[in-house]
Amino acid sequence: IKLSLPLYVYKPTRCWLPYISNQVSTQSLIENVKRKFVERPLICNQDEDLYQCTLSAQKDFVLSDHVIMEKPTLPGTAYLEIACEIAKNYMNIDRIQMNGFKFMMPIILNQDEERTVQIRVIKLDKEYKLSFYSQKNGIELTHAEVKLTEQGSEEREKIDIDSFCKQANEKLSISQNELTKGFIQFGKHWLNYHKIYRSDGEGVAYLKMPEEVNLEPFEFILPP
């Protein structure tokens, strides 16, 4: 912006933008922002970048609705979602391919705990390696690793899901009541898969979110 400023302080010329009263509260602005896992990059350089996210059962339903032996535990799909969020900064999100996913140690929290997780991105020749870390009691923990590559522009294989389901060797109907039993306690966000079709090492799941679940405040790359 180019402004013509007065030559001396006493010239009666106003050089400030007019004040406009704030008609939108800070809280409403926060509510209108789509929630994501990754907060910001901490370090960016030529060979390696570092990102950060803060997780807790109070604000993240992926933890509050996924409790194993009374401990909120980050599910595997959350690692993939975080990886996709970061991958958008480096490649076409529609052509991301994940390889070599490894789980070393789950991220397990107490009900009132907040944990900062750092994701290290190492830039290799034709791929990116993501590693998930956190600290507990001064000890660095490695949780997972995954490598990301970008697929070429060639047409990808298409799968006829209807035909697969009809020809499946095994067809299972899932009772939502059964999902709430056992040592894993699922919340309402996880009561979403109703049928499973399996055949020769492959499978298809039919998912449907409960009507009372509102995903509008969240921005997902992978379907929840």
C-alpha atoms as a PDB file:
ATOM      1  CA  ILE A   1       0.000   0.000   0.000  1.00  0.00           C
ATOM      2  CA  LYS A   2       1.375   3.446  -0.943  1.00  0.00           C
ATOM      3  CA  LEU A   3       0.384   6.380   1.258  1.00  0.00           C
ATOM      4  CA  SER A   4       1.161  10.087   1.013  1.00  0.00           C
ATOM      5  CA  LEU A   5       2.287  10.993   4.518  1.00  0.00           C
ATOM      6  CA  PRO A   6       2.496  14.548   5.913  1.00  0.00           C
ATOM      7  CA  LEU A   7       5.901  16.244   5.850  1.00  0.00           C
ATOM      8  CA  TYR A   8       5.651  17.429   9.441  1.00  0.00           C
ATOM      9  CA  VAL A   9       3.842  16.232  12.506  1.00  0.00           C
ATOM     10  CA  TYR A  10       1.463  19.240  12.869  1.00  0.00           C
ATOM     11  CA  LYS A  11      -0.102  19.031   9.439  1.00  0.00           C
ATOM     12  CA  PRO A  12      -3.802  18.165  10.046  1.00  0.00           C
ATOM     13  CA  THR A  13      -3.850  15.019   7.901  1.00  0.00           C
ATOM     14  CA  ARG A  14      -5.059  11.690   9.265  1.00  0.00           C
ATOM     15  CA  CYS A  15      -2.789   8.822   8.220  1.00  0.00           C
ATOM     16  CA  TRP A  16      -4.548   5.928   9.980  1.00  0.00           C
ATOM     17  CA  LEU A  17      -7.172   3.607   8.594  1.00  0.00           C
ATOM     18  CA  PRO A  18     -10.657   4.357   9.917  1.00  0.00           C
ATOM     19  CA  TYR A  19     -11.704   2.339  12.945  1.00  0.00           C
ATOM     20  CA  ILE A  20     -14.359  -0.280  12.231  1.00  0.00           C
ATOM     21  CA  SER A  21     -16.083  -1.899  15.165  1.00  0.00           C
ATOM     22  CA  ASN A  22     -15.623  -5.649  15.377  1.00  0.00           C
ATOM     23  CA  GLN A  23     -18.984  -7.149  14.444  1.00  0.00           C
ATOM     24  CA  VAL A  24     -17.754 -10.756  14.657  1.00  0.00           C
ATOM     25  CA  SER A  25     -16.637 -12.169  17.986  1.00  0.00           C
ATOM     26  CA  THR A  26     -13.337 -13.980  18.341  1.00  0.00           C
ATOM     27  CA  GLN A  27     -15.192 -17.116  19.398  1.00  0.00           C
ATOM     28  CA  SER A  28     -17.287 -17.182  16.221  1.00  0.00           C
ATOM     29  CA  LEU A  29     -14.141 -16.754  14.133  1.00  0.00           C
ATOM     30  CA  ILE A  30     -12.599 -19.734  15.880  1.00  0.00           C
ATOM     31  CA  GLU A  31     -15.721 -21.811  15.322  1.00  0.00           C
ATOM     32  CA  ASN A  32     -15.713 -21.030  11.597  1.00  0.00           C
ATOM     33  CA  VAL A  33     -12.130 -22.211  11.121  1.00  0.00           C
ATOM     34  CA  LYS A  34     -11.886 -25.823   9.992  1.00  0.00           C
ATOM     35  CA  ARG A  35     -10.130 -27.927  12.618  1.00  0.00           C
ATOM     36  CA  LYS A  36      -6.976 -29.747  11.559  1.00  0.00           C
ATOM     37  CA  PHE A  37      -4.395 -31.836  13.395  1.00  0.00           C
ATOM     38  CA  VAL A  38      -1.204 -30.115  12.262  1.00  0.00           C
ATOM     39  CA  GLU A  39      -0.818 -26.662  13.794  1.00  0.00           C
ATOM     40  CA  ARG A  40       2.255 -25.223  12.120  1.00  0.00           C
ATOM     41  CA  PRO A  41       5.731 -26.022  10.785  1.00  0.00           C
ATOM     42  CA  LEU A  42       8.451 -25.419  13.370  1.00  0.00           C
ATOM     43  CA  ILE A  43      11.548 -25.691  11.188  1.00  0.00           C
ATOM     44  CA  CYS A  44      11.892 -25.705   7.407  1.00  0.00           C
ATOM     45  CA  ASN A  45      15.210 -26.217   5.632  1.00  0.00           C
ATOM     46  CA  GLN A  46      16.573 -27.817   2.484  1.00  0.00           C
ATOM     47  CA  ASP A  47      16.698 -31.442   3.623  1.00  0.00           C
ATOM     48  CA  GLU A  48      14.341 -31.702   6.598  1.00  0.00           C
ATOM     49  CA  ASP A  49      11.190 -30.030   7.925  1.00  0.00           C
ATOM     50  CA  LEU A  50       9.600 -30.309  11.368  1.00  0.00           C
ATOM     51  CA  TYR A  51       5.873 -30.004  12.131  1.00  0.00           C
ATOM     52  CA  GLN A  52       3.945 -30.059  15.393  1.00  0.00           C
ATOM     53  CA  CYS A  53       0.491 -30.965  16.650  1.00  0.00           C
ATOM     54  CA  THR A  54      -1.014 -31.051  20.134  1.00  0.00           C
ATOM     55  CA  LEU A  55      -3.384 -33.875  21.021  1.00  0.00           C
ATOM     56  CA  SER A  56      -5.770 -34.378  23.936  1.00  0.00           C
ATOM     57  CA  ALA A  57      -8.962 -36.302  24.624  1.00  0.00           C
ATOM     58  CA  GLN A  58     -10.687 -33.032  25.557  1.00  0.00           C
ATOM     59  CA  LYS A  59     -10.505 -31.571  22.042  1.00  0.00           C
ATOM     60  CA  ASP A  60      -9.818 -34.533  19.699  1.00  0.00           C
ATOM     61  CA  PHE A  61     -12.601 -37.068  19.241  1.00  0.00           C
ATOM     62  CA  VAL A  62     -10.141 -39.491  17.628  1.00  0.00           C
ATOM     63  CA  LEU A  63      -8.832 -39.934  21.184  1.00  0.00           C
ATOM     64  CA  SER A  64     -11.972 -39.501  23.296  1.00  0.00           C
ATOM     65  CA  ASP A  65     -13.896 -41.973  21.103  1.00  0.00           C
ATOM     66  CA  HIS A  66     -11.078 -44.533  20.903  1.00  0.00           C
ATOM     67  CA  VAL A  67     -10.264 -45.737  24.410  1.00  0.00           C
ATOM     68  CA  ILE A  68      -8.275 -48.927  25.016  1.00  0.00           C
ATOM     69  CA  MET A  69      -8.254 -50.265  28.566  1.00  0.00           C
ATOM     70  CA  GLU A  70      -9.469 -46.876  29.847  1.00  0.00           C
ATOM     71  CA  LYS A  71      -6.667 -44.962  28.044  1.00  0.00           C
ATOM     72  CA  PRO A  72      -7.372 -42.660  25.053  1.00  0.00           C
ATOM     73  CA  THR A  73      -5.248 -44.109  22.236  1.00  0.00           C
ATOM     74  CA  LEU A  74      -4.552 -42.508  18.867  1.00  0.00           C
ATOM     75  CA  PRO A  75      -5.881 -44.828  16.122  1.00  0.00           C
ATOM     76  CA  GLY A  76      -3.862 -45.725  13.045  1.00  0.00           C
ATOM     77  CA  THR A  77      -6.117 -43.709  10.736  1.00  0.00           C
ATOM     78  CA  ALA A  78      -5.145 -40.506  12.586  1.00  0.00           C
ATOM     79  CA  TYR A  79      -1.484 -41.022  11.655  1.00  0.00           C
ATOM     80  CA  LEU A  80      -2.529 -41.347   8.000  1.00  0.00           C
ATOM     81  CA  GLU A  81      -4.650 -38.182   8.225  1.00  0.00           C
ATOM     82  CA  ILE A  82      -1.749 -36.218   9.720  1.00  0.00           C
ATOM     83  CA  ALA A  83       0.565 -37.552   7.000  1.00  0.00           C
ATOM     84  CA  CYS A  84      -1.889 -36.410   4.305  1.00  0.00           C
ATOM     85  CA  GLU A  85      -2.182 -32.939   5.864  1.00  0.00           C
ATOM     86  CA  ILE A  86       1.573 -32.518   5.687  1.00  0.00           C
ATOM     87  CA  ALA A  87       1.874 -34.113   2.236  1.00  0.00           C
ATOM     88  CA  LYS A  88      -0.321 -31.367   0.750  1.00  0.00           C
ATOM     89  CA  ASN A  89       2.657 -29.040   1.147  1.00  0.00           C
ATOM     90  CA  TYR A  90       4.829 -31.175  -1.124  1.00  0.00           C
ATOM     91  CA  MET A  91       2.695 -32.980  -3.715  1.00  0.00           C
ATOM     92  CA  ASN A  92      -0.691 -33.383  -5.377  1.00  0.00           C
ATOM     93  CA  ILE A  93      -2.973 -34.727  -2.648  1.00  0.00           C
ATOM     94  CA  ASP A  94      -5.008 -36.767  -5.165  1.00  0.00           C
ATOM     95  CA  ARG A  95      -1.938 -38.800  -6.179  1.00  0.00           C
ATOM     96  CA  ILE A  96      -0.315 -39.549  -2.836  1.00  0.00           C
ATOM     97  CA  GLN A  97       0.885 -43.094  -2.303  1.00  0.00           C
ATOM     98  CA  MET A  98       1.890 -44.310   1.176  1.00  0.00           C
ATOM     99  CA  ASN A  99       4.468 -47.071   1.566  1.00  0.00           C
ATOM    100  CA  GLY A 100       6.296 -48.817   4.376  1.00  0.00           C
ATOM    101  CA  PHE A 101       4.008 -47.753   7.207  1.00  0.00           C
ATOM    102  CA  LYS A 102       5.460 -48.882  10.562  1.00  0.00           C
ATOM    103  CA  PHE A 103       3.958 -48.686  14.044  1.00  0.00           C
ATOM    104  CA  MET A 104       6.600 -48.665  16.782  1.00  0.00           C
ATOM    105  CA  MET A 105       4.712 -47.442  19.844  1.00  0.00           C
ATOM    106  CA  PRO A 106       1.118 -46.203  20.201  1.00  0.00           C
ATOM    107  CA  ILE A 107       0.354 -42.705  21.455  1.00  0.00           C
ATOM    108  CA  ILE A 108      -1.480 -43.389  24.720  1.00  0.00           C
ATOM    109  CA  LEU A 109      -2.733 -40.543  26.914  1.00  0.00           C
ATOM    110  CA  ASN A 110      -4.428 -40.113  30.251  1.00  0.00           C
ATOM    111  CA  GLN A 111      -7.917 -38.604  30.166  1.00  0.00           C
ATOM    112  CA  ASP A 112      -6.670 -35.158  31.246  1.00  0.00           C
ATOM    113  CA  GLU A 113      -3.304 -35.284  29.432  1.00  0.00           C
ATOM    114  CA  GLU A 114      -2.165 -33.120  26.540  1.00  0.00           C
ATOM    115  CA  ARG A 115       0.669 -34.388  24.355  1.00  0.00           C
ATOM    116  CA  THR A 116       2.760 -32.508  21.800  1.00  0.00           C
ATOM    117  CA  VAL A 117       3.689 -34.659  18.820  1.00  0.00           C
ATOM    118  CA  GLN A 118       6.356 -33.664  16.320  1.00  0.00           C
ATOM    119  CA  ILE A 119       6.493 -34.980  12.771  1.00  0.00           C
ATOM    120  CA  ARG A 120       9.878 -34.957  11.073  1.00  0.00           C
ATOM    121  CA  VAL A 121       9.836 -34.839   7.266  1.00  0.00           C
ATOM    122  CA  ILE A 122      13.035 -35.986   5.568  1.00  0.00           C
ATOM    123  CA  LYS A 123      13.257 -35.137   1.862  1.00  0.00           C
ATOM    124  CA  LEU A 124      14.729 -38.051  -0.071  1.00  0.00           C
ATOM    125  CA  ASP A 125      15.343 -38.433  -3.806  1.00  0.00           C
ATOM    126  CA  LYS A 126      11.814 -39.259  -4.983  1.00  0.00           C
ATOM    127  CA  GLU A 127       9.934 -39.621  -1.723  1.00  0.00           C
ATOM    128  CA  TYR A 128       9.392 -38.117   1.720  1.00  0.00           C
ATOM    129  CA  LYS A 129       9.879 -39.982   4.986  1.00  0.00           C
ATOM    130  CA  LEU A 130       7.659 -38.939   7.908  1.00  0.00           C
ATOM    131  CA  SER A 131       8.504 -39.914  11.490  1.00  0.00           C
ATOM    132  CA  PHE A 132       6.220 -39.283  14.491  1.00  0.00           C
ATOM    133  CA  TYR A 133       7.838 -38.408  17.843  1.00  0.00           C
ATOM    134  CA  SER A 134       6.775 -37.262  21.285  1.00  0.00           C
ATOM    135  CA  GLN A 135       8.353 -36.909  24.711  1.00  0.00           C
ATOM    136  CA  LYS A 136       7.220 -38.360  28.015  1.00  0.00           C
ATOM    137  CA  ASN A 137       9.122 -37.893  31.275  1.00  0.00           C
ATOM    138  CA  GLY A 138      12.039 -36.470  29.305  1.00  0.00           C
ATOM    139  CA  ILE A 139      12.325 -39.535  27.047  1.00  0.00           C
ATOM    140  CA  GLU A 140      11.857 -39.233  23.279  1.00  0.00           C
ATOM    141  CA  LEU A 141       9.447 -41.823  21.907  1.00  0.00           C
ATOM    142  CA  THR A 142       9.237 -42.877  18.253  1.00  0.00           C
ATOM    143  CA  HIS A 143       5.671 -43.826  17.361  1.00  0.00           C
ATOM    144  CA  ALA A 144       5.428 -44.419  13.614  1.00  0.00           C
ATOM    145  CA  GLU A 145       7.059 -43.972  10.211  1.00  0.00           C
ATOM    146  CA  VAL A 146       5.669 -43.751   6.684  1.00  0.00           C
ATOM    147  CA  LYS A 147       7.049 -42.913   3.246  1.00  0.00           C
ATOM    148  CA  LEU A 148       5.126 -40.798   0.746  1.00  0.00           C
ATOM    149  CA  THR A 149       5.520 -40.713  -3.014  1.00  0.00           C
ATOM    150  CA  GLU A 150       3.500 -39.070  -5.769  1.00  0.00           C
ATOM    151  CA  GLN A 151       1.949 -41.347  -8.370  1.00  0.00           C
ATOM    152  CA  GLY A 152       2.417 -40.588 -12.044  1.00  0.00           C
ATOM    153  CA  SER A 153      -0.239 -39.196 -14.353  1.00  0.00           C
ATOM    154  CA  GLU A 154      -1.142 -42.615 -15.798  1.00  0.00           C
ATOM    155  CA  GLU A 155      -4.683 -43.815 -15.252  1.00  0.00           C
ATOM    156  CA  ARG A 156      -5.074 -45.727 -12.015  1.00  0.00           C
ATOM    157  CA  GLU A 157      -6.768 -49.099 -11.718  1.00  0.00           C
ATOM    158  CA  LYS A 158     -10.494 -48.858 -11.089  1.00  0.00           C
ATOM    159  CA  ILE A 159     -12.356 -51.254  -8.830  1.00  0.00           C
ATOM    160  CA  ASP A 160     -15.975 -52.255  -9.354  1.00  0.00           C
ATOM    161  CA  ILE A 161     -17.104 -52.222  -5.722  1.00  0.00           C
ATOM    162  CA  ASP A 162     -20.632 -53.504  -6.442  1.00  0.00           C
ATOM    163  CA  SER A 163     -19.299 -56.564  -8.278  1.00  0.00           C
ATOM    164  CA  PHE A 164     -16.741 -57.234  -5.548  1.00  0.00           C
ATOM    165  CA  CYS A 165     -19.412 -57.177  -2.829  1.00  0.00           C
ATOM    166  CA  LYS A 166     -21.703 -59.510  -4.766  1.00  0.00           C
ATOM    167  CA  GLN A 167     -18.930 -62.035  -5.401  1.00  0.00           C
ATOM    168  CA  ALA A 168     -17.317 -61.824  -1.951  1.00  0.00           C
ATOM    169  CA  ASN A 169     -16.672 -65.151  -0.186  1.00  0.00           C
ATOM    170  CA  GLU A 170     -17.525 -63.702   3.222  1.00  0.00           C
ATOM    171  CA  LYS A 171     -20.194 -61.144   4.076  1.00  0.00           C
ATOM    172  CA  LEU A 172     -20.506 -59.873   7.636  1.00  0.00           C
ATOM    173  CA  SER A 173     -23.140 -57.603   9.174  1.00  0.00           C
ATOM    174  CA  ILE A 174     -21.838 -55.619  12.148  1.00  0.00           C
ATOM    175  CA  SER A 175     -24.011 -54.916  15.185  1.00  0.00           C
ATOM    176  CA  GLN A 176     -23.351 -51.410  16.467  1.00  0.00           C
ATOM    177  CA  ASN A 177     -24.069 -52.586  20.008  1.00  0.00           C
ATOM    178  CA  GLU A 178     -21.227 -55.101  19.787  1.00  0.00           C
ATOM    179  CA  LEU A 179     -18.766 -52.306  18.947  1.00  0.00           C
ATOM    180  CA  THR A 180     -19.284 -50.745  22.378  1.00  0.00           C
ATOM    181  CA  LYS A 181     -18.280 -53.923  24.240  1.00  0.00           C
ATOM    182  CA  GLY A 182     -14.883 -55.351  25.090  1.00  0.00           C
ATOM    183  CA  PHE A 183     -11.573 -53.780  26.096  1.00  0.00           C
ATOM    184  CA  ILE A 184     -11.828 -51.149  23.333  1.00  0.00           C
ATOM    185  CA  GLN A 185     -14.455 -48.490  24.012  1.00  0.00           C
ATOM    186  CA  PHE A 186     -15.681 -46.785  20.838  1.00  0.00           C
ATOM    187  CA  GLY A 187     -17.521 -43.464  20.905  1.00  0.00           C
ATOM    188  CA  LYS A 188     -20.213 -42.380  18.475  1.00  0.00           C
ATOM    189  CA  HIS A 189     -17.725 -41.336  15.775  1.00  0.00           C
ATOM    190  CA  TRP A 190     -16.560 -44.943  15.523  1.00  0.00           C
ATOM    191  CA  LEU A 191     -20.024 -46.480  15.324  1.00  0.00           C
ATOM    192  CA  ASN A 192     -19.962 -46.178  11.560  1.00  0.00           C
ATOM    193  CA  TYR A 193     -19.195 -49.480   9.849  1.00  0.00           C
ATOM    194  CA  HIS A 194     -22.113 -51.784   9.193  1.00  0.00           C
ATOM    195  CA  LYS A 195     -21.004 -54.431   6.681  1.00  0.00           C
ATOM    196  CA  ILE A 196     -17.740 -56.067   5.665  1.00  0.00           C
ATOM    197  CA  TYR A 197     -17.115 -57.998   2.436  1.00  0.00           C
ATOM    198  CA  ARG A 198     -13.971 -60.150   2.180  1.00  0.00           C
ATOM    199  CA  SER A 199     -12.490 -62.303  -0.548  1.00  0.00           C
ATOM    200  CA  ASP A 200      -8.957 -63.595  -1.281  1.00  0.00           C
ATOM    201  CA  GLY A 201      -7.116 -61.236   1.050  1.00  0.00           C
ATOM    202  CA  GLU A 202      -9.086 -58.146   0.010  1.00  0.00           C
ATOM    203  CA  GLY A 203     -11.993 -56.433   1.689  1.00  0.00           C
ATOM    204  CA  VAL A 204     -14.578 -53.671   1.421  1.00  0.00           C
ATOM    205  CA  ALA A 205     -16.341 -52.021   4.370  1.00  0.00           C
ATOM    206  CA  TYR A 206     -19.654 -50.163   4.216  1.00  0.00           C
ATOM    207  CA  LEU A 207     -19.432 -47.054   6.408  1.00  0.00           C
ATOM    208  CA  LYS A 208     -22.166 -44.663   7.476  1.00  0.00           C
ATOM    209  CA  MET A 209     -21.751 -41.937  10.075  1.00  0.00           C
ATOM    210  CA  PRO A 210     -24.508 -41.628  12.726  1.00  0.00           C
ATOM    211  CA  GLU A 211     -26.904 -38.782  11.990  1.00  0.00           C
ATOM    212  CA  GLU A 212     -26.143 -37.057  15.307  1.00  0.00           C
ATOM    213  CA  VAL A 213     -22.444 -36.728  14.456  1.00  0.00           C
ATOM    214  CA  ASN A 214     -21.487 -33.301  13.111  1.00  0.00           C
ATOM    215  CA  LEU A 215     -18.220 -33.309  11.179  1.00  0.00           C
ATOM    216  CA  GLU A 216     -18.663 -29.781   9.844  1.00  0.00           C
ATOM    217  CA  PRO A 217     -16.066 -28.165  12.160  1.00  0.00           C
ATOM    218  CA  PHE A 218     -13.429 -30.588  10.875  1.00  0.00           C
ATOM    219  CA  GLU A 219     -11.589 -30.763   7.583  1.00  0.00           C
ATOM    220  CA  PHE A 220     -10.634 -34.316   6.679  1.00  0.00           C
ATOM    221  CA  ILE A 221      -8.600 -35.509   3.732  1.00  0.00           C
ATOM    222  CA  LEU A 222      -9.402 -39.174   4.364  1.00  0.00           C
ATOM    223  CA  PRO A 223     -13.036 -40.094   5.053  1.00  0.00           C
ATOM    224  CA  PRO A 224     -13.477 -40.680   8.816  1.00  0.00           C
END
